[in-house]
Amino acid sequence: MGSTPQEPEPSAEDPRESAADSPHPAAPFPHTPYPGAPYPGAPYPGGHGSGGWTPPEPARRGLSFGAGLGIGTAIGVVAHGIGVAAMFAFLEALGGAGGLLGFLWPFLLIAAAAGVMMFFAPTRSFATGILIIAAAMWLVIIGPCIALVASLSG
């Protein structure tokens, strides 16, 4: 320590330092330009005003819900086709004495299996397609057939 007092180094918050003495004068625009900007404050070409970069979202793995729904619809059509064949085979094996349960068991089984599939996220879209076809099958084929059989037997 010598006898001469030393002046403190000027800091950025020091009001004694003027903007004109600074090697980096204040920009006329509020945003700092990105490297290679045509003018100060120019928007970043990627659409980010601050010049920041956001990474793209990772690609989704697996099927979309719509694809699973379409596949489930196809599975439902095939399953109900097999159900119609199973219904006729069962009624033929019993000699027509199966009753209403003998007529409906394949379709109830398909609907129950799809209902159980709804509890699991990976199979939910497939089950939705199967249940759509099950509802359509009941409205278009099974319901009118039950009405016809009931009207003929009564």
Protein backbone atom coordinates (compact mmCIF):
# COMPACT_ATOMS: atom_id res chain seq x y z
CA MET A 1 0.00 0.00 0.00
CA GLY A 2 1.47 3.22 -1.14
CA SER A 3 0.86 6.73 0.02
CA THR A 4 -1.10 7.70 -3.08
CA PRO A 5 -4.78 6.79 -3.05
CA GLN A 6 -5.92 4.69 -5.96
CA GLU A 7 -9.14 5.35 -7.79
CA PRO A 8 -11.60 2.46 -8.00
CA GLU A 9 -12.08 0.86 -11.39
CA PRO A 10 -15.21 2.19 -13.12
CA SER A 11 -17.96 -0.40 -13.37
CA ALA A 12 -20.93 -0.74 -15.71
CA GLU A 13 -23.24 0.58 -13.00
CA ASP A 14 -20.96 3.55 -12.36
CA PRO A 15 -22.85 6.70 -13.42
CA ARG A 16 -19.57 8.52 -14.03
CA GLU A 17 -18.95 6.41 -17.12
CA SER A 18 -20.83 7.87 -20.07
CA ALA A 19 -22.26 5.96 -23.02
CA ALA A 20 -20.08 7.94 -25.41
CA ASP A 21 -16.88 6.70 -23.75
CA SER A 22 -18.03 3.09 -23.98
CA PRO A 23 -16.61 0.97 -26.81
CA HIS A 24 -20.13 -0.44 -27.34
CA PRO A 25 -22.67 2.39 -27.63
CA ALA A 26 -26.29 1.61 -26.81
CA ALA A 27 -28.28 0.23 -29.72
CA PRO A 28 -31.11 2.44 -31.02
CA PHE A 29 -33.49 -0.57 -30.97
CA PRO A 30 -34.40 -2.57 -27.87
CA HIS A 31 -33.30 -5.97 -29.25
CA THR A 32 -29.72 -6.96 -29.72
CA PRO A 33 -29.18 -7.90 -33.38
CA TYR A 34 -28.27 -11.45 -34.22
CA PRO A 35 -25.00 -12.09 -36.09
CA GLY A 36 -25.39 -11.17 -39.74
CA ALA A 37 -28.55 -9.07 -39.19
CA PRO A 38 -29.25 -6.60 -42.03
CA TYR A 39 -30.04 -3.84 -39.49
CA PRO A 40 -30.12 -3.58 -35.70
CA GLY A 41 -33.31 -4.99 -34.25
CA ALA A 42 -34.10 -7.10 -37.34
CA PRO A 43 -36.32 -10.07 -36.52
CA TYR A 44 -34.62 -13.42 -36.44
CA PRO A 45 -35.31 -15.29 -39.71
CA GLY A 46 -36.60 -18.35 -37.86
CA GLY A 47 -39.48 -16.34 -36.42
CA HIS A 48 -37.95 -16.02 -32.96
CA GLY A 49 -37.70 -12.38 -32.00
CA SER A 50 -34.97 -12.99 -29.47
CA GLY A 51 -32.84 -15.06 -31.79
CA GLY A 52 -33.36 -18.13 -29.60
CA TRP A 53 -33.66 -21.59 -31.03
CA THR A 54 -36.17 -24.14 -29.90
CA PRO A 55 -35.55 -27.77 -30.75
CA PRO A 56 -38.19 -29.54 -32.84
CA GLU A 57 -40.55 -31.92 -31.13
CA PRO A 58 -39.40 -35.53 -31.29
CA ALA A 59 -41.25 -37.75 -33.74
CA ARG A 60 -44.21 -39.56 -32.21
CA ARG A 61 -43.75 -43.26 -31.87
CA GLY A 62 -46.45 -45.77 -32.68
CA LEU A 63 -49.74 -45.40 -34.50
CA SER A 64 -51.97 -42.37 -34.29
CA PHE A 65 -55.45 -42.73 -32.81
CA GLY A 66 -57.01 -42.47 -36.28
CA ALA A 67 -54.85 -45.27 -37.65
CA GLY A 68 -55.73 -47.49 -34.70
CA LEU A 69 -59.40 -46.63 -35.19
CA GLY A 70 -59.25 -47.68 -38.84
CA ILE A 71 -57.47 -50.92 -37.99
CA GLY A 72 -59.99 -51.58 -35.20
CA THR A 73 -62.82 -51.00 -37.66
CA ALA A 74 -61.37 -53.61 -40.01
CA ILE A 75 -60.89 -56.01 -37.09
CA GLY A 76 -64.51 -55.41 -36.06
CA VAL A 77 -65.83 -56.20 -39.54
CA VAL A 78 -63.80 -59.43 -39.74
CA ALA A 79 -64.72 -60.41 -36.16
CA HIS A 80 -68.42 -59.92 -36.84
CA GLY A 81 -68.16 -61.89 -40.06
CA ILE A 82 -66.62 -64.72 -38.08
CA GLY A 83 -69.33 -64.18 -35.43
CA VAL A 84 -72.09 -64.67 -38.00
CA ALA A 85 -70.45 -67.91 -39.13
CA ALA A 86 -70.03 -69.04 -35.49
CA MET A 87 -73.67 -68.21 -34.77
CA PHE A 88 -74.92 -70.33 -37.64
CA ALA A 89 -72.53 -73.18 -36.76
CA PHE A 90 -73.66 -73.12 -33.12
CA LEU A 91 -77.35 -73.06 -34.02
CA GLU A 92 -76.82 -75.89 -36.53
CA ALA A 93 -74.99 -77.98 -33.94
CA LEU A 94 -77.87 -77.57 -31.48
CA GLY A 95 -80.49 -78.21 -34.08
CA GLY A 96 -81.96 -74.72 -33.79
CA ALA A 97 -82.63 -75.10 -30.06
CA GLY A 98 -80.04 -72.54 -28.94
CA GLY A 99 -82.54 -69.82 -28.14
CA LEU A 100 -81.70 -66.15 -28.02
CA LEU A 101 -78.35 -66.70 -26.27
CA GLY A 102 -77.30 -69.15 -29.00
CA PHE A 103 -78.09 -66.47 -31.52
CA LEU A 104 -76.26 -63.63 -29.71
CA TRP A 105 -73.26 -65.18 -27.94
CA PRO A 106 -70.61 -64.39 -30.62
CA PHE A 107 -71.63 -60.72 -30.74
CA LEU A 108 -71.75 -60.37 -26.98
CA LEU A 109 -68.30 -61.94 -26.78
CA ILE A 110 -66.88 -59.47 -29.34
CA ALA A 111 -68.41 -56.49 -27.51
CA ALA A 112 -67.14 -57.74 -24.14
CA ALA A 113 -63.61 -58.25 -25.49
CA ALA A 114 -63.60 -54.73 -26.97
CA GLY A 115 -64.92 -53.36 -23.69
CA VAL A 116 -62.00 -54.92 -21.82
CA MET A 117 -59.59 -53.52 -24.43
CA MET A 118 -60.86 -50.00 -23.65
CA PHE A 119 -59.20 -50.16 -20.21
CA PHE A 120 -55.69 -50.33 -21.73
CA ALA A 121 -54.21 -47.29 -23.50
CA PRO A 122 -52.30 -49.20 -26.21
CA THR A 123 -55.46 -51.00 -27.40
CA ARG A 124 -58.00 -48.21 -26.83
CA SER A 125 -58.06 -46.99 -30.45
CA PHE A 126 -58.52 -50.53 -31.78
CA ALA A 127 -61.33 -51.17 -29.29
CA THR A 128 -63.07 -47.95 -30.33
CA GLY A 129 -63.14 -49.15 -33.95
CA ILE A 130 -64.42 -52.58 -32.93
CA LEU A 131 -67.19 -51.03 -30.80
CA ILE A 132 -68.24 -48.72 -33.64
CA ILE A 133 -68.68 -51.74 -35.89
CA ALA A 134 -70.44 -53.62 -33.08
CA ALA A 135 -72.96 -50.79 -32.74
CA ALA A 136 -73.46 -50.66 -36.49
CA MET A 137 -73.87 -54.43 -36.62
CA TRP A 138 -76.58 -54.29 -33.95
CA LEU A 139 -78.42 -51.48 -35.74
CA VAL A 140 -78.19 -52.86 -39.25
CA ILE A 141 -78.14 -56.64 -38.97
CA ILE A 142 -78.62 -58.19 -35.55
CA GLY A 143 -81.52 -56.04 -34.34
CA PRO A 144 -83.66 -56.48 -37.47
CA CYS A 145 -82.87 -60.21 -37.56
CA ILE A 146 -84.02 -60.61 -33.95
CA ALA A 147 -87.23 -58.74 -34.83
CA LEU A 148 -87.79 -61.02 -37.85
CA VAL A 149 -87.13 -64.21 -35.89
CA ALA A 150 -89.37 -63.06 -33.04
CA SER A 151 -92.19 -62.16 -35.43
CA LEU A 152 -91.94 -65.50 -37.23
CA SER A 153 -91.95 -67.61 -34.08
CA GLY A 154 -94.77 -65.83 -32.33
